[in-house]
Amino acid sequence: MTIGEVVGTVVSTHKDEKLIGAKLLMVQPLTLDRKPKGEPLMAIDMLDAGAGDRVLLVHEGRAAQLLLGKDLSPVDCAVVGIIDHVDLHEGC
């Protein structure tokens, strides 16, 4: 899993039927000190995350499909949690 921040939304009026009703977000992966890590990713969101939310992402197709509840969906990244806070212990 990866921590990221929602930086935008994607609107698609024509898409695979298995994605109908699913919200698509642009999420910027982050380091633990909240710095951007790599390029933003498009992720499917079934948890109603919004702009500026820090989220947990999975980058594996099967896990993303399970969240959507539709096998063989064309999905490889999904929001699986909305983060309230992160506690780091000394030495981490």
C-alpha atoms as a PDB file:
ATOM      1  CA  MET A   1       0.000   0.000   0.000  1.00  0.00           C
ATOM      2  CA  THR A   2       0.982   3.604  -0.548  1.00  0.00           C
ATOM      3  CA  ILE A   3       0.006   6.880   1.100  1.00  0.00           C
ATOM      4  CA  GLY A   4      -1.194   9.571  -1.278  1.00  0.00           C
ATOM      5  CA  GLU A   5      -3.090  12.850  -1.456  1.00  0.00           C
ATOM      6  CA  VAL A   6      -6.101  13.441  -3.664  1.00  0.00           C
ATOM      7  CA  VAL A   7      -5.142  16.201  -6.118  1.00  0.00           C
ATOM      8  CA  GLY A   8      -7.971  15.995  -8.643  1.00  0.00           C
ATOM      9  CA  THR A   9     -10.838  14.109 -10.202  1.00  0.00           C
ATOM     10  CA  VAL A  10     -11.272  12.450 -13.577  1.00  0.00           C
ATOM     11  CA  VAL A  11     -14.575  12.709 -15.434  1.00  0.00           C
ATOM     12  CA  SER A  12     -15.273  10.134 -18.112  1.00  0.00           C
ATOM     13  CA  THR A  13     -18.671  10.011 -19.757  1.00  0.00           C
ATOM     14  CA  HIS A  14     -17.725   6.934 -21.827  1.00  0.00           C
ATOM     15  CA  LYS A  15     -16.032   4.078 -19.998  1.00  0.00           C
ATOM     16  CA  ASP A  16     -16.025   0.331 -19.566  1.00  0.00           C
ATOM     17  CA  GLU A  17     -19.399  -0.824 -18.216  1.00  0.00           C
ATOM     18  CA  LYS A  18     -17.700  -2.310 -15.130  1.00  0.00           C
ATOM     19  CA  LEU A  19     -16.592   1.197 -14.137  1.00  0.00           C
ATOM     20  CA  ILE A  20     -20.025   2.825 -14.367  1.00  0.00           C
ATOM     21  CA  GLY A  21     -20.869   4.461 -11.061  1.00  0.00           C
ATOM     22  CA  ALA A  22     -17.271   4.448  -9.818  1.00  0.00           C
ATOM     23  CA  LYS A  23     -15.515   7.721  -9.009  1.00  0.00           C
ATOM     24  CA  LEU A  24     -12.043   8.260 -10.462  1.00  0.00           C
ATOM     25  CA  LEU A  25      -9.450  10.368  -8.636  1.00  0.00           C
ATOM     26  CA  MET A  26      -5.969  11.649  -9.342  1.00  0.00           C
ATOM     27  CA  VAL A  27      -3.781  10.823  -6.342  1.00  0.00           C
ATOM     28  CA  GLN A  28      -0.222  12.036  -5.729  1.00  0.00           C
ATOM     29  CA  PRO A  29       1.824   9.373  -3.899  1.00  0.00           C
ATOM     30  CA  LEU A  30       3.640  10.808  -0.874  1.00  0.00           C
ATOM     31  CA  THR A  31       6.661  10.028   1.277  1.00  0.00           C
ATOM     32  CA  LEU A  32       6.121   9.751   5.038  1.00  0.00           C
ATOM     33  CA  ASP A  33       7.061  13.431   5.388  1.00  0.00           C
ATOM     34  CA  ARG A  34       4.316  14.352   2.861  1.00  0.00           C
ATOM     35  CA  LYS A  35       6.610  15.130  -0.084  1.00  0.00           C
ATOM     36  CA  PRO A  36       5.533  14.062  -3.608  1.00  0.00           C
ATOM     37  CA  LYS A  37       6.895  10.667  -4.661  1.00  0.00           C
ATOM     38  CA  GLY A  38       6.709   9.993  -8.400  1.00  0.00           C
ATOM     39  CA  GLU A  39       3.869  10.917 -10.729  1.00  0.00           C
ATOM     40  CA  PRO A  40       0.168  11.194  -9.803  1.00  0.00           C
ATOM     41  CA  LEU A  41      -1.893   8.036 -10.313  1.00  0.00           C
ATOM     42  CA  MET A  42      -5.483   7.551 -11.351  1.00  0.00           C
ATOM     43  CA  ALA A  43      -7.344   5.502  -8.753  1.00  0.00           C
ATOM     44  CA  ILE A  44     -10.866   4.208  -8.412  1.00  0.00           C
ATOM     45  CA  ASP A  45     -12.587   5.449  -5.256  1.00  0.00           C
ATOM     46  CA  MET A  46     -15.521   3.725  -3.557  1.00  0.00           C
ATOM     47  CA  LEU A  47     -14.977   5.503  -0.205  1.00  0.00           C
ATOM     48  CA  ASP A  48     -15.902   9.067  -1.216  1.00  0.00           C
ATOM     49  CA  ALA A  49     -12.468  10.625  -0.693  1.00  0.00           C
ATOM     50  CA  GLY A  50     -12.179  14.277  -1.646  1.00  0.00           C
ATOM     51  CA  ALA A  51      -9.656  16.923  -2.649  1.00  0.00           C
ATOM     52  CA  GLY A  52      -6.813  17.201  -0.140  1.00  0.00           C
ATOM     53  CA  ASP A  53      -7.626  13.919   1.647  1.00  0.00           C
ATOM     54  CA  ARG A  54      -4.703  11.645   2.442  1.00  0.00           C
ATOM     55  CA  VAL A  55      -5.568   8.117   1.371  1.00  0.00           C
ATOM     56  CA  LEU A  56      -4.256   4.565   1.303  1.00  0.00           C
ATOM     57  CA  LEU A  57      -3.799   3.140  -2.194  1.00  0.00           C
ATOM     58  CA  VAL A  58      -3.307  -0.349  -3.557  1.00  0.00           C
ATOM     59  CA  HIS A  59      -1.436  -0.699  -6.855  1.00  0.00           C
ATOM     60  CA  GLU A  60      -2.304  -4.270  -7.637  1.00  0.00           C
ATOM     61  CA  GLY A  61      -5.091  -5.119 -10.045  1.00  0.00           C
ATOM     62  CA  ARG A  62      -6.636  -8.011  -8.135  1.00  0.00           C
ATOM     63  CA  ALA A  63      -6.898  -6.031  -4.881  1.00  0.00           C
ATOM     64  CA  ALA A  64      -8.427  -3.080  -6.751  1.00  0.00           C
ATOM     65  CA  GLN A  65     -10.932  -5.385  -8.485  1.00  0.00           C
ATOM     66  CA  LEU A  66     -11.973  -6.894  -5.145  1.00  0.00           C
ATOM     67  CA  LEU A  67     -12.704  -3.429  -3.757  1.00  0.00           C
ATOM     68  CA  LEU A  68     -14.841  -2.617  -6.785  1.00  0.00           C
ATOM     69  CA  GLY A  69     -16.586  -5.979  -6.430  1.00  0.00           C
ATOM     70  CA  LYS A  70     -16.282  -6.801 -10.122  1.00  0.00           C
ATOM     71  CA  ASP A  71     -13.883  -9.455 -11.369  1.00  0.00           C
ATOM     72  CA  LEU A  72     -11.839  -8.700 -14.465  1.00  0.00           C
ATOM     73  CA  SER A  73     -12.454  -4.948 -14.210  1.00  0.00           C
ATOM     74  CA  PRO A  74      -9.860  -2.781 -15.983  1.00  0.00           C
ATOM     75  CA  VAL A  75      -8.568  -1.387 -12.655  1.00  0.00           C
ATOM     76  CA  ASP A  76      -5.044  -1.435 -11.222  1.00  0.00           C
ATOM     77  CA  CYS A  77      -5.131   1.250  -8.503  1.00  0.00           C
ATOM     78  CA  ALA A  78      -7.766   1.875  -5.826  1.00  0.00           C
ATOM     79  CA  VAL A  79      -8.346   3.977  -2.728  1.00  0.00           C
ATOM     80  CA  VAL A  80      -8.747   1.512   0.163  1.00  0.00           C
ATOM     81  CA  GLY A  81      -8.762   3.937   3.091  1.00  0.00           C
ATOM     82  CA  ILE A  82      -8.988   7.582   4.097  1.00  0.00           C
ATOM     83  CA  ILE A  83      -6.250   8.472   6.588  1.00  0.00           C
ATOM     84  CA  ASP A  84      -7.140  10.277   9.817  1.00  0.00           C
ATOM     85  CA  HIS A  85      -3.561  10.538  11.069  1.00  0.00           C
ATOM     86  CA  VAL A  86      -0.194   8.799  10.941  1.00  0.00           C
ATOM     87  CA  ASP A  87       1.849   8.186  14.114  1.00  0.00           C
ATOM     88  CA  LEU A  88       5.566   7.595  13.570  1.00  0.00           C
ATOM     89  CA  HIS A  89       7.665   6.125  16.369  1.00  0.00           C
ATOM     90  CA  GLU A  90      11.228   7.256  17.112  1.00  0.00           C
ATOM     91  CA  GLY A  91      13.743   5.837  14.689  1.00  0.00           C
ATOM     92  CA  CYS A  92      11.286   5.497  11.789  1.00  0.00           C
END
